[in-house]
Amino acid sequence: MRSHLQAYLNLAQKCVDQMKKEAGRISTVELQKMVARVFYYLCVIALQYVAPLVMLLHTTLLLKTLGRHAMATGKHRLLSV
């Protein structure tokens, strides 16, 4: 997962390099907005990796609770109510 997030962070450096190749002056405000835009979406990118794991854990615990199964025992027996 870290390599995917790092690849996304490298996008800011690629954009800065592309702006350096263009003719004309680069305004500081424009450069800050472009780099900030990449970091604003970093949490969205990270959420795409974390959300499925959280949902899987939640579903597993929900089914465990609804089925009244004991996770610690080797046998799948119903717990007494």
C-alpha atoms as a PDB file:
ATOM      1  CA  MET A   1       0.000   0.000   0.000  1.00  0.00           C
ATOM      2  CA  ARG A   2       2.823   2.409   0.783  1.00  0.00           C
ATOM      3  CA  SER A   3       4.204   2.197  -2.756  1.00  0.00           C
ATOM      4  CA  HIS A   4       0.838   3.166  -4.211  1.00  0.00           C
ATOM      5  CA  LEU A   5       0.534   6.173  -1.897  1.00  0.00           C
ATOM      6  CA  GLN A   6       4.141   7.160  -2.614  1.00  0.00           C
ATOM      7  CA  ALA A   7       3.433   6.985  -6.337  1.00  0.00           C
ATOM      8  CA  TYR A   8       0.543   9.386  -5.816  1.00  0.00           C
ATOM      9  CA  LEU A   9       2.755  11.760  -3.821  1.00  0.00           C
ATOM     10  CA  ASN A  10       5.324  11.680  -6.630  1.00  0.00           C
ATOM     11  CA  LEU A  11       2.645  13.205  -8.832  1.00  0.00           C
ATOM     12  CA  ALA A  12       3.281  16.600  -7.212  1.00  0.00           C
ATOM     13  CA  GLN A  13       6.976  16.429  -8.148  1.00  0.00           C
ATOM     14  CA  LYS A  14       6.107  15.439 -11.722  1.00  0.00           C
ATOM     15  CA  CYS A  15       3.746  18.415 -12.010  1.00  0.00           C
ATOM     16  CA  VAL A  16       6.428  20.780 -10.687  1.00  0.00           C
ATOM     17  CA  ASP A  17       8.916  19.405 -13.219  1.00  0.00           C
ATOM     18  CA  GLN A  18       6.360  19.880 -15.998  1.00  0.00           C
ATOM     19  CA  MET A  19       5.768  23.491 -14.925  1.00  0.00           C
ATOM     20  CA  LYS A  20       9.530  24.151 -15.022  1.00  0.00           C
ATOM     21  CA  LYS A  21       9.617  23.028 -18.653  1.00  0.00           C
ATOM     22  CA  GLU A  22       6.905  25.488 -19.668  1.00  0.00           C
ATOM     23  CA  ALA A  23       7.854  28.938 -20.877  1.00  0.00           C
ATOM     24  CA  GLY A  24       7.110  31.943 -18.678  1.00  0.00           C
ATOM     25  CA  ARG A  25       7.144  32.696 -15.004  1.00  0.00           C
ATOM     26  CA  ILE A  26       5.568  30.416 -12.447  1.00  0.00           C
ATOM     27  CA  SER A  27       3.577  32.239  -9.819  1.00  0.00           C
ATOM     28  CA  THR A  28       4.022  31.105  -6.255  1.00  0.00           C
ATOM     29  CA  VAL A  29       0.285  30.946  -5.637  1.00  0.00           C
ATOM     30  CA  GLU A  30      -0.251  28.720  -8.670  1.00  0.00           C
ATOM     31  CA  LEU A  31       2.536  26.393  -7.548  1.00  0.00           C
ATOM     32  CA  GLN A  32       1.149  26.179  -4.001  1.00  0.00           C
ATOM     33  CA  LYS A  33      -2.354  25.407  -5.268  1.00  0.00           C
ATOM     34  CA  MET A  34      -1.079  22.665  -7.546  1.00  0.00           C
ATOM     35  CA  VAL A  35       0.950  20.948  -4.808  1.00  0.00           C
ATOM     36  CA  ALA A  36      -1.808  21.370  -2.206  1.00  0.00           C
ATOM     37  CA  ARG A  37      -4.327  19.798  -4.579  1.00  0.00           C
ATOM     38  CA  VAL A  38      -2.293  16.583  -4.584  1.00  0.00           C
ATOM     39  CA  PHE A  39      -2.106  16.463  -0.788  1.00  0.00           C
ATOM     40  CA  TYR A  40      -5.820  17.211  -0.366  1.00  0.00           C
ATOM     41  CA  TYR A  41      -6.720  14.049  -2.261  1.00  0.00           C
ATOM     42  CA  LEU A  42      -4.206  11.896  -0.374  1.00  0.00           C
ATOM     43  CA  CYS A  43      -6.787  11.101   2.311  1.00  0.00           C
ATOM     44  CA  VAL A  44      -9.256   9.997  -0.378  1.00  0.00           C
ATOM     45  CA  ILE A  45      -6.632   7.729  -1.913  1.00  0.00           C
ATOM     46  CA  ALA A  46      -5.767   6.264   1.507  1.00  0.00           C
ATOM     47  CA  LEU A  47      -9.465   5.742   2.260  1.00  0.00           C
ATOM     48  CA  GLN A  48      -9.781   3.543  -0.831  1.00  0.00           C
ATOM     49  CA  TYR A  49      -7.331   1.128   0.761  1.00  0.00           C
ATOM     50  CA  VAL A  50      -8.554   1.312   4.359  1.00  0.00           C
ATOM     51  CA  ALA A  51     -12.341   1.316   3.874  1.00  0.00           C
ATOM     52  CA  PRO A  52     -12.652  -2.244   2.469  1.00  0.00           C
ATOM     53  CA  LEU A  53     -10.652  -3.631   5.393  1.00  0.00           C
ATOM     54  CA  VAL A  54     -12.806  -1.798   7.926  1.00  0.00           C
ATOM     55  CA  MET A  55     -15.995  -2.964   6.206  1.00  0.00           C
ATOM     56  CA  LEU A  56     -14.747  -6.568   6.131  1.00  0.00           C
ATOM     57  CA  LEU A  57     -13.891  -6.468   9.832  1.00  0.00           C
ATOM     58  CA  HIS A  58     -17.261  -4.913  10.656  1.00  0.00           C
ATOM     59  CA  THR A  59     -19.134  -7.524   8.623  1.00  0.00           C
ATOM     60  CA  THR A  60     -17.174 -10.355  10.232  1.00  0.00           C
ATOM     61  CA  LEU A  61     -17.930  -9.125  13.740  1.00  0.00           C
ATOM     62  CA  LEU A  62     -21.574  -8.507  12.842  1.00  0.00           C
ATOM     63  CA  LEU A  63     -22.012 -12.044  11.506  1.00  0.00           C
ATOM     64  CA  LYS A  64     -20.220 -13.432  14.557  1.00  0.00           C
ATOM     65  CA  THR A  65     -22.591 -11.572  16.846  1.00  0.00           C
ATOM     66  CA  LEU A  66     -25.740 -12.474  14.919  1.00  0.00           C
ATOM     67  CA  GLY A  67     -24.733 -16.130  14.633  1.00  0.00           C
ATOM     68  CA  ARG A  68     -23.684 -16.339  18.286  1.00  0.00           C
ATOM     69  CA  HIS A  69     -20.505 -18.196  17.366  1.00  0.00           C
ATOM     70  CA  ALA A  70     -17.462 -18.395  19.610  1.00  0.00           C
ATOM     71  CA  MET A  71     -14.332 -17.351  17.711  1.00  0.00           C
ATOM     72  CA  ALA A  72     -11.830 -18.605  20.304  1.00  0.00           C
ATOM     73  CA  THR A  73     -12.880 -22.252  20.289  1.00  0.00           C
ATOM     74  CA  GLY A  74     -11.854 -24.728  17.631  1.00  0.00           C
ATOM     75  CA  LYS A  75     -15.410 -26.045  17.288  1.00  0.00           C
ATOM     76  CA  HIS A  76     -18.232 -24.158  15.671  1.00  0.00           C
ATOM     77  CA  ARG A  77     -20.889 -24.573  18.301  1.00  0.00           C
ATOM     78  CA  LEU A  78     -23.683 -22.271  19.298  1.00  0.00           C
ATOM     79  CA  LEU A  79     -23.320 -20.426  22.559  1.00  0.00           C
ATOM     80  CA  SER A  80     -26.074 -20.835  25.079  1.00  0.00           C
ATOM     81  CA  VAL A  81     -28.356 -17.848  25.497  1.00  0.00           C
END
